Every structure is written in C-alpha cells, then in structure tokens.
Amino acid sequence: MVNMIEQKWHYKEHLCFIHIEHEKDDSVSKAFHYITKPSGEMVLAPLNPYDCKRSLVEDWIDLGYPARIGCSPLNKWDIKLLQSALD
C-alpha cells in the first residue's frame, strides 16, 4: 500500500487534507478526508472514499459537519440533499 497526501489547503479557518491510499497494483485507491477544525480538533470526515474533490469537503464544513446518513459515508448527492433541506 502506498500512502500520500493528495491535497492540502485552508478553508474558513480549517486545515483540510485529502490523504490517498493506493494499492500496490494500482487497482484500488481510497481517499480519506481529514479536517483540523479551528479549535484544533482533527476529524476524519465521513465522506465518500472515492471522491477527491475539494468541494465535497468544503460543503461538508459549510453544513456544520453532518454525520453519515445510514451506514454509508456521505457522497455529493447526500450533501446536495442536506443543502436543499436547509434552503
């Protein structure tokens, strides 16, 4: 397994990392979304491990760190549903 930080950026006083784990044969890659909150607390966001878009992390932060819906991690459609519920 090869581990690397794919992306690192600041968003609204949060430090965001997308950490990627690649299988040695490159058949599977998974993203882990780590966020350090302004308080200093580091969390692993319950987000889709196959989505590496910054917008997913930023939308999750904007929604106030929602938890999973059911047993699956949140994907872009879940985030859109949560956003529409707040509109």
Protein backbone atom coordinates (compact mmCIF):
# COMPACT_ATOMS: atom_id res chain seq x y z
CA MET A 1 0.00 0.00 0.00
CA VAL A 2 1.27 3.46 -0.93
CA ASN A 3 0.11 6.43 1.16
CA MET A 4 0.26 10.04 0.09
CA ILE A 5 -1.34 13.41 0.73
CA GLU A 6 -3.11 14.30 -2.47
CA GLN A 7 -4.31 17.75 -1.46
CA LYS A 8 -3.79 20.16 1.43
CA TRP A 9 -5.49 23.55 1.77
CA HIS A 10 -7.12 26.02 4.16
CA TYR A 11 -10.85 26.71 4.09
CA LYS A 12 -12.66 29.01 6.52
CA GLU A 13 -10.01 28.58 9.25
CA HIS A 14 -9.93 24.78 8.73
CA LEU A 15 -6.88 22.85 7.57
CA CYS A 16 -8.02 20.22 5.09
CA PHE A 17 -6.12 17.15 3.84
CA ILE A 18 -7.17 14.53 1.37
CA HIS A 19 -4.99 11.51 2.05
CA ILE A 20 -4.93 8.79 -0.63
CA GLU A 21 -4.14 5.13 -0.13
CA HIS A 22 -3.19 3.29 -3.34
CA GLU A 23 -2.97 -0.47 -3.57
CA LYS A 24 0.43 -1.59 -4.87
CA ASP A 25 -1.09 -2.90 -8.10
CA ASP A 26 -2.98 0.43 -8.51
CA SER A 27 -6.31 -1.41 -8.74
CA VAL A 28 -7.93 0.49 -5.86
CA SER A 29 -7.41 3.94 -4.39
CA LYS A 30 -9.30 5.39 -1.46
CA ALA A 31 -9.43 8.94 -0.19
CA PHE A 32 -9.57 9.87 3.48
CA HIS A 33 -10.72 13.40 4.26
CA TYR A 34 -9.05 14.84 7.37
CA ILE A 35 -10.02 18.24 8.70
CA THR A 36 -8.46 20.19 11.53
CA LYS A 37 -11.15 22.45 12.94
CA PRO A 38 -10.39 25.99 14.16
CA SER A 39 -10.47 24.56 17.72
CA GLY A 40 -7.50 22.29 16.84
CA GLU A 41 -9.58 19.10 16.84
CA MET A 42 -8.72 16.79 13.93
CA VAL A 43 -11.57 14.73 12.48
CA LEU A 44 -11.94 12.17 9.73
CA ALA A 45 -14.94 13.35 7.72
CA PRO A 46 -17.49 10.63 6.87
CA LEU A 47 -17.17 11.30 3.13
CA ASN A 48 -17.12 9.10 0.04
CA PRO A 49 -13.64 7.47 -0.17
CA TYR A 50 -13.78 7.56 -3.97
CA ASP A 51 -14.33 11.33 -4.26
CA CYS A 52 -11.29 13.62 -4.08
CA LYS A 53 -12.99 16.93 -4.84
CA ARG A 54 -12.29 19.81 -2.50
CA SER A 55 -15.87 20.99 -2.92
CA LEU A 56 -17.14 17.88 -1.10
CA VAL A 57 -15.04 18.74 1.96
CA GLU A 58 -15.90 22.43 1.83
CA ASP A 59 -19.64 21.74 1.51
CA TRP A 60 -19.39 19.32 4.47
CA ILE A 61 -17.77 22.07 6.56
CA ASP A 62 -20.39 24.62 5.44
CA LEU A 63 -23.16 22.23 6.55
CA GLY A 64 -21.71 22.06 10.07
CA TYR A 65 -20.01 18.63 9.92
CA PRO A 66 -23.04 16.37 9.33
CA ALA A 67 -22.81 12.70 10.28
CA ARG A 68 -23.41 9.78 7.97
CA ILE A 69 -26.90 9.08 6.71
CA GLY A 70 -27.37 5.40 7.45
CA CYS A 71 -24.33 3.18 7.23
CA SER A 72 -22.67 4.73 4.16
CA PRO A 73 -20.32 7.72 4.02
CA LEU A 74 -21.75 10.93 2.61
CA ASN A 75 -21.44 11.45 -1.14
CA LYS A 76 -22.09 14.50 -3.31
CA TRP A 77 -25.79 13.60 -3.63
CA ASP A 78 -26.22 13.35 0.15
CA ILE A 79 -24.55 16.74 0.53
CA LYS A 80 -26.87 18.28 -2.10
CA LEU A 81 -29.88 16.78 -0.30
CA LEU A 82 -28.73 18.25 3.02
CA GLN A 83 -28.09 21.64 1.39
CA SER A 84 -31.56 21.68 -0.19
CA ALA A 85 -33.15 20.83 3.17
CA LEU A 86 -31.61 24.00 4.61
CA ASP A 87 -32.77 26.26 1.78
